[in-house]
N, C-alpha and C. Protein backbone atom coordinates (compact mmCIF):
# COMPACT_ATOMS: atom_id res chain seq x y z
N MET A 1 -68.77 37.19 8.13
CA MET A 1 -68.80 36.92 6.91
C MET A 1 -67.62 37.67 5.99
N LEU A 2 -66.76 36.73 5.05
CA LEU A 2 -65.96 37.39 4.76
C LEU A 2 -66.50 38.14 3.12
N LEU A 3 -66.01 39.15 2.58
CA LEU A 3 -66.51 40.18 1.15
C LEU A 3 -65.38 39.75 0.58
N ILE A 4 -65.75 38.91 -0.34
CA ILE A 4 -64.18 38.12 -1.60
C ILE A 4 -64.79 39.14 -3.13
N ARG A 5 -63.80 39.52 -3.33
CA ARG A 5 -63.54 40.51 -4.83
C ARG A 5 -63.62 39.46 -5.62
N CYS A 6 -64.71 39.22 -6.59
CA CYS A 6 -64.23 38.23 -7.62
C CYS A 6 -63.78 39.01 -8.99
N PRO A 7 -62.55 38.60 -9.13
CA PRO A 7 -61.78 39.33 -10.48
C PRO A 7 -62.68 39.38 -11.61
N TYR A 8 -63.71 39.34 -11.67
CA TYR A 8 -64.55 38.78 -12.99
C TYR A 8 -66.18 39.88 -12.54
N CYS A 9 -66.70 40.06 -11.68
CA CYS A 9 -67.68 40.44 -11.05
C CYS A 9 -67.64 41.36 -9.72
N GLY A 10 -66.54 41.57 -9.28
CA GLY A 10 -66.43 42.46 -8.27
C GLY A 10 -66.89 41.76 -7.00
N ASP A 11 -67.14 42.79 -6.05
CA ASP A 11 -67.28 42.35 -4.39
C ASP A 11 -68.94 41.59 -4.16
N ARG A 12 -68.89 40.44 -3.54
CA ARG A 12 -69.75 39.84 -3.25
C ARG A 12 -69.67 38.53 -2.00
N ASP A 13 -70.65 38.09 -1.18
CA ASP A 13 -70.38 37.83 0.33
C ASP A 13 -69.78 36.34 -0.04
N GLU A 14 -69.59 35.76 0.72
CA GLU A 14 -68.47 34.67 1.01
C GLU A 14 -69.69 33.35 0.51
N ILE A 15 -70.76 33.67 1.12
CA ILE A 15 -71.96 32.48 0.47
C ILE A 15 -71.87 32.26 -0.65
N GLU A 16 -71.64 33.61 -1.61
CA GLU A 16 -71.60 32.96 -3.19
C GLU A 16 -70.75 32.41 -3.61
N PHE A 17 -69.47 31.87 -2.78
CA PHE A 17 -68.08 31.19 -3.31
C PHE A 17 -68.15 29.74 -3.21
N ALA A 18 -67.59 29.05 -3.70
CA ALA A 18 -67.21 27.56 -3.05
C ALA A 18 -65.73 27.40 -2.99
N TYR A 19 -65.32 27.08 -1.55
CA TYR A 19 -64.05 27.09 -1.27
C TYR A 19 -63.14 25.85 -2.11
N GLY A 20 -62.03 26.25 -2.86
CA GLY A 20 -61.53 24.71 -3.71
C GLY A 20 -60.04 24.06 -2.92
N GLY A 21 -59.89 24.45 -1.62
CA GLY A 21 -58.56 24.08 -1.45
C GLY A 21 -57.24 24.84 -1.85
N GLN A 22 -56.20 24.29 -1.44
CA GLN A 22 -55.25 25.05 -1.70
C GLN A 22 -54.61 24.99 -3.26
N ALA A 23 -54.04 26.38 -3.40
CA ALA A 23 -53.67 26.33 -4.45
C ALA A 23 -52.29 26.16 -5.04
N HIS A 24 -52.09 26.06 -6.39
CA HIS A 24 -50.80 25.77 -7.16
C HIS A 24 -50.21 24.69 -6.54
N LEU A 25 -51.31 23.18 -6.91
CA LEU A 25 -50.28 22.08 -6.59
C LEU A 25 -50.28 21.51 -7.55
N ALA A 26 -49.16 20.44 -8.12
CA ALA A 26 -48.63 19.91 -9.20
C ALA A 26 -49.29 18.54 -8.88
N ARG A 27 -49.90 17.91 -10.34
CA ARG A 27 -50.08 16.13 -9.89
C ARG A 27 -49.12 15.79 -10.60
N PRO A 28 -48.63 14.77 -9.57
CA PRO A 28 -47.81 13.99 -10.19
C PRO A 28 -47.61 13.00 -11.25
N ALA A 29 -46.61 12.98 -11.88
CA ALA A 29 -46.43 12.14 -13.25
C ALA A 29 -45.53 11.39 -13.28
N PRO A 30 -45.88 10.07 -14.11
CA PRO A 30 -47.42 9.54 -14.42
C PRO A 30 -47.99 9.03 -12.47
N PRO A 31 -49.44 9.07 -12.53
CA PRO A 31 -49.69 8.68 -11.31
C PRO A 31 -49.32 7.15 -11.34
N ALA A 32 -49.37 6.29 -12.23
CA ALA A 32 -48.87 4.54 -11.68
C ALA A 32 -47.64 4.69 -11.36
N ALA A 33 -46.59 5.62 -11.81
CA ALA A 33 -45.37 5.49 -11.07
C ALA A 33 -45.28 6.12 -9.36
N GLN A 34 -46.05 6.51 -8.90
CA GLN A 34 -46.23 7.11 -7.50
C GLN A 34 -46.28 5.50 -6.43
N SER A 35 -45.93 5.58 -5.79
CA SER A 35 -46.09 4.96 -4.78
C SER A 35 -47.49 4.80 -3.76
N ASP A 36 -48.12 4.00 -2.90
CA ASP A 36 -49.50 4.44 -2.32
C ASP A 36 -48.85 5.72 -1.61
N ALA A 37 -48.15 5.48 -1.09
CA ALA A 37 -47.97 6.70 -0.09
C ALA A 37 -47.73 7.95 -0.40
N GLU A 38 -47.02 8.16 -1.59
CA GLU A 38 -46.76 9.45 -2.18
C GLU A 38 -48.38 9.72 -2.96
N TRP A 39 -49.08 8.91 -3.49
CA TRP A 39 -50.24 9.16 -4.05
C TRP A 39 -51.00 10.07 -3.02
N GLY A 40 -51.25 9.10 -1.77
CA GLY A 40 -51.73 9.71 -0.98
C GLY A 40 -51.37 10.98 -0.28
N ALA A 41 -50.20 10.97 -0.02
CA ALA A 41 -49.90 12.47 0.22
C ALA A 41 -50.36 13.67 -0.65
N TYR A 42 -50.42 13.43 -2.16
CA TYR A 42 -50.90 14.61 -3.01
C TYR A 42 -52.52 14.56 -2.99
N LEU A 43 -53.07 13.11 -2.27
CA LEU A 43 -54.62 13.66 -2.53
C LEU A 43 -54.76 14.04 -1.24
N PHE A 44 -54.54 13.89 0.21
CA PHE A 44 -54.93 14.02 1.05
C PHE A 44 -53.87 15.03 2.27
N LEU A 45 -52.87 14.96 1.69
CA LEU A 45 -51.99 16.04 3.00
C LEU A 45 -51.89 17.35 2.26
N ARG A 46 -52.17 18.75 2.80
CA ARG A 46 -52.18 19.82 2.60
C ARG A 46 -51.52 20.75 3.68
N ASP A 47 -50.95 21.58 3.18
CA ASP A 47 -50.20 22.82 4.04
C ASP A 47 -51.46 23.08 4.99
N ASN A 48 -51.09 23.31 6.34
CA ASN A 48 -52.09 24.47 6.81
C ASN A 48 -51.43 25.42 7.77
N PRO A 49 -50.88 26.56 6.98
CA PRO A 49 -49.85 27.63 7.99
C PRO A 49 -50.82 28.32 8.44
N LYS A 50 -50.30 29.38 9.60
CA LYS A 50 -51.01 29.96 10.58
C LYS A 50 -50.40 31.54 10.21
N GLY A 51 -51.03 31.79 8.95
CA GLY A 51 -50.48 33.00 8.33
C GLY A 51 -51.10 33.22 6.81
N VAL A 52 -49.95 33.38 5.88
CA VAL A 52 -50.60 33.50 4.65
C VAL A 52 -50.68 31.90 4.03
N PHE A 53 -51.68 31.99 3.15
CA PHE A 53 -52.27 30.64 2.40
C PHE A 53 -52.92 31.22 1.07
N LEU A 54 -52.24 30.41 0.44
CA LEU A 54 -52.97 30.48 -1.23
C LEU A 54 -53.91 29.78 -1.37
N GLU A 55 -54.98 29.62 -1.76
CA GLU A 55 -56.11 29.03 -1.72
C GLU A 55 -56.99 29.36 -2.99
N ARG A 56 -57.69 28.14 -3.57
CA ARG A 56 -58.55 27.91 -4.74
C ARG A 56 -59.67 28.49 -4.51
N TRP A 57 -60.63 29.32 -5.15
CA TRP A 57 -62.30 29.69 -4.67
C TRP A 57 -62.94 29.75 -6.26
N MET A 58 -64.07 29.53 -5.98
CA MET A 58 -64.99 29.61 -7.41
C MET A 58 -65.87 29.98 -7.02
N HIS A 59 -66.63 31.36 -8.29
CA HIS A 59 -67.62 32.19 -7.92
C HIS A 59 -68.84 31.02 -7.75
N ALA A 60 -69.20 30.64 -7.38
CA ALA A 60 -70.32 29.22 -7.55
C ALA A 60 -71.96 29.70 -8.33
N GLN A 61 -72.14 30.93 -7.31
CA GLN A 61 -73.11 31.79 -7.56
C GLN A 61 -73.48 32.79 -8.28
N GLY A 62 -72.24 32.98 -9.23
CA GLY A 62 -71.96 34.24 -10.04
C GLY A 62 -71.21 33.67 -11.45
N CYS A 63 -70.64 34.16 -11.92
CA CYS A 63 -69.89 33.75 -13.26
C CYS A 63 -69.16 32.15 -13.05
N ARG A 64 -69.42 31.53 -12.07
CA ARG A 64 -68.44 30.20 -12.15
C ARG A 64 -67.27 30.02 -12.50
N ARG A 65 -66.55 31.05 -12.41
CA ARG A 65 -65.09 31.04 -12.64
C ARG A 65 -64.19 30.85 -11.48
N TRP A 66 -63.07 30.08 -11.98
CA TRP A 66 -61.85 29.97 -10.90
C TRP A 66 -61.01 30.77 -10.72
N PHE A 67 -60.63 31.54 -9.31
CA PHE A 67 -59.22 32.14 -9.34
C PHE A 67 -58.55 31.85 -7.86
N ASN A 68 -57.76 32.43 -7.67
CA ASN A 68 -56.73 32.27 -6.74
C ASN A 68 -56.84 33.41 -5.39
N VAL A 69 -56.68 32.96 -3.80
CA VAL A 69 -56.56 34.10 -2.95
C VAL A 69 -55.67 33.99 -2.33
N ALA A 70 -54.89 34.84 -1.57
CA ALA A 70 -53.94 35.02 -0.81
C ALA A 70 -54.50 35.40 0.40
N ARG A 71 -54.90 34.42 1.59
CA ARG A 71 -55.62 34.80 2.63
C ARG A 71 -54.76 34.40 3.67
N HIS A 72 -54.60 35.50 4.67
CA HIS A 72 -54.15 35.00 6.54
C HIS A 72 -54.96 34.59 6.81
N THR A 73 -54.64 33.13 7.37
CA THR A 73 -55.55 32.25 8.23
C THR A 73 -55.96 32.56 9.48
N VAL A 74 -55.21 33.97 10.18
CA VAL A 74 -55.54 33.88 11.80
C VAL A 74 -56.95 35.39 11.41
N THR A 75 -56.45 35.89 10.80
CA THR A 75 -56.94 37.29 10.58
C THR A 75 -58.29 37.22 9.75
N HIS A 76 -58.25 36.05 8.83
CA HIS A 76 -58.93 35.82 7.29
C HIS A 76 -59.01 37.36 6.57
N GLU A 77 -57.94 38.01 6.81
CA GLU A 77 -57.39 39.15 5.89
C GLU A 77 -57.55 38.44 4.29
N ILE A 78 -57.99 39.14 3.18
CA ILE A 78 -57.55 38.53 1.74
C ILE A 78 -56.68 39.40 1.33
N LEU A 79 -55.77 39.09 1.31
CA LEU A 79 -54.47 40.19 0.57
C LEU A 79 -54.08 40.36 -0.82
N ALA A 80 -54.45 39.17 -1.51
CA ALA A 80 -54.17 39.30 -3.04
C ALA A 80 -55.48 38.20 -3.65
N ILE A 81 -56.32 38.61 -4.50
CA ILE A 81 -56.59 38.02 -5.68
C ILE A 81 -56.26 37.92 -7.05
N TYR A 82 -55.76 36.97 -7.92
CA TYR A 82 -55.40 36.60 -9.32
C TYR A 82 -55.82 35.70 -9.75
N PRO A 83 -56.18 35.58 -11.25
CA PRO A 83 -56.91 34.52 -11.72
C PRO A 83 -56.11 33.65 -12.00
N MET A 84 -56.67 32.35 -12.20
CA MET A 84 -56.14 30.98 -12.59
C MET A 84 -55.36 30.93 -13.76
N GLY A 85 -54.12 30.47 -13.57
CA GLY A 85 -52.98 30.41 -14.47
C GLY A 85 -52.25 31.58 -14.45
N THR A 86 -52.18 32.32 -13.49
CA THR A 86 -50.97 33.45 -13.43
C THR A 86 -50.37 33.00 -12.53
N PRO A 87 -48.70 33.86 -12.32
CA PRO A 87 -48.00 33.36 -11.35
C PRO A 87 -48.23 33.22 -10.00
N MET A 88 -47.71 32.77 -9.12
CA MET A 88 -48.16 32.89 -7.46
C MET A 88 -47.36 33.91 -7.33
N PRO A 89 -48.08 34.52 -6.34
CA PRO A 89 -47.67 35.77 -5.78
C PRO A 89 -46.65 35.73 -4.61
N ASP A 90 -45.85 36.34 -4.70
CA ASP A 90 -44.19 36.23 -3.61
C ASP A 90 -45.15 36.48 -2.36
N VAL A 91 -44.93 35.00 -1.45
CA VAL A 91 -45.46 35.10 -0.59
C VAL A 91 -45.37 35.55 0.60
N ALA A 92 -43.56 35.52 0.85
CA ALA A 92 -42.86 36.33 1.72
C ALA A 92 -43.37 37.40 1.94
N LEU A 93 -43.39 38.41 0.53
CA LEU A 93 -43.56 40.11 0.62
C LEU A 93 -44.97 39.78 1.33
N ILE A 94 -46.01 39.44 0.99
CA ILE A 94 -47.46 39.24 1.17
C ILE A 94 -47.64 39.08 2.96
N ALA A 95 -46.52 38.21 3.34
CA ALA A 95 -46.70 37.84 4.64
C ALA A 95 -46.04 39.23 5.56
N HIS A 96 -45.30 39.67 4.70
CA HIS A 96 -44.20 40.68 5.52
C HIS A 96 -45.52 42.01 5.19
N GLN A 97 -46.15 42.23 4.38
CA GLN A 97 -47.33 43.49 4.44
C GLN A 97 -48.08 43.07 4.83
N ALA A 98 -48.64 41.79 5.51
CA ALA A 98 -49.94 41.76 6.18
C ALA A 98 -49.36 41.60 7.84
N ARG A 99 -47.75 41.47 7.85
CA ARG A 99 -47.78 42.17 9.30
C ARG A 99 -47.50 43.38 9.71
N GLY A 100 -47.25 43.82 8.82
CA GLY A 100 -47.12 45.67 8.78
C GLY A 100 -48.57 46.28 9.05
N LEU A 101 -49.76 45.41 8.36
CA LEU A 101 -50.90 45.67 8.77
C LEU A 101 -51.61 45.33 10.67
N MET A 102 -50.97 44.28 10.94
CA MET A 102 -51.37 43.70 11.75
C MET A 102 -50.91 44.59 13.05
N GLY A 103 -49.64 45.67 12.65
CA GLY A 103 -49.17 46.27 14.07
C GLY A 103 -48.06 45.57 14.19
N GLY A 104 -47.31 44.89 13.37
CA GLY A 104 -46.08 44.08 13.57
C GLY A 104 -46.19 42.43 14.10
N ALA A 105 -47.46 42.51 14.47
CA ALA A 105 -47.72 41.32 14.83
C ALA A 105 -46.94 40.13 14.25
N ARG A 106 -46.96 38.40 15.14
CA ARG A 106 -46.36 37.42 13.82
C ARG A 106 -47.22 36.33 14.67
């Protein structure tokens, strides 16, 4: 089980949270101007990297607030947590730091 640090409530067990999918997705505007393929890609296609991934989480059984998490998809290590609306962290830097923590593994 993951231990997730809610930026508002502190460390809590994973069971208290709801996963919200990939973070930092921009809704295409205007939707009526999008083709079916473009709209379908926005709704259903997401990145699935082996490495650092930026995700949205909500503290469902706590403060019910949303926040973003940078998590390594192989080790499940949480590398950064930051409130919604703040700039995206430097993913390359986080990935570099994660490789250092894993002993240089790629």
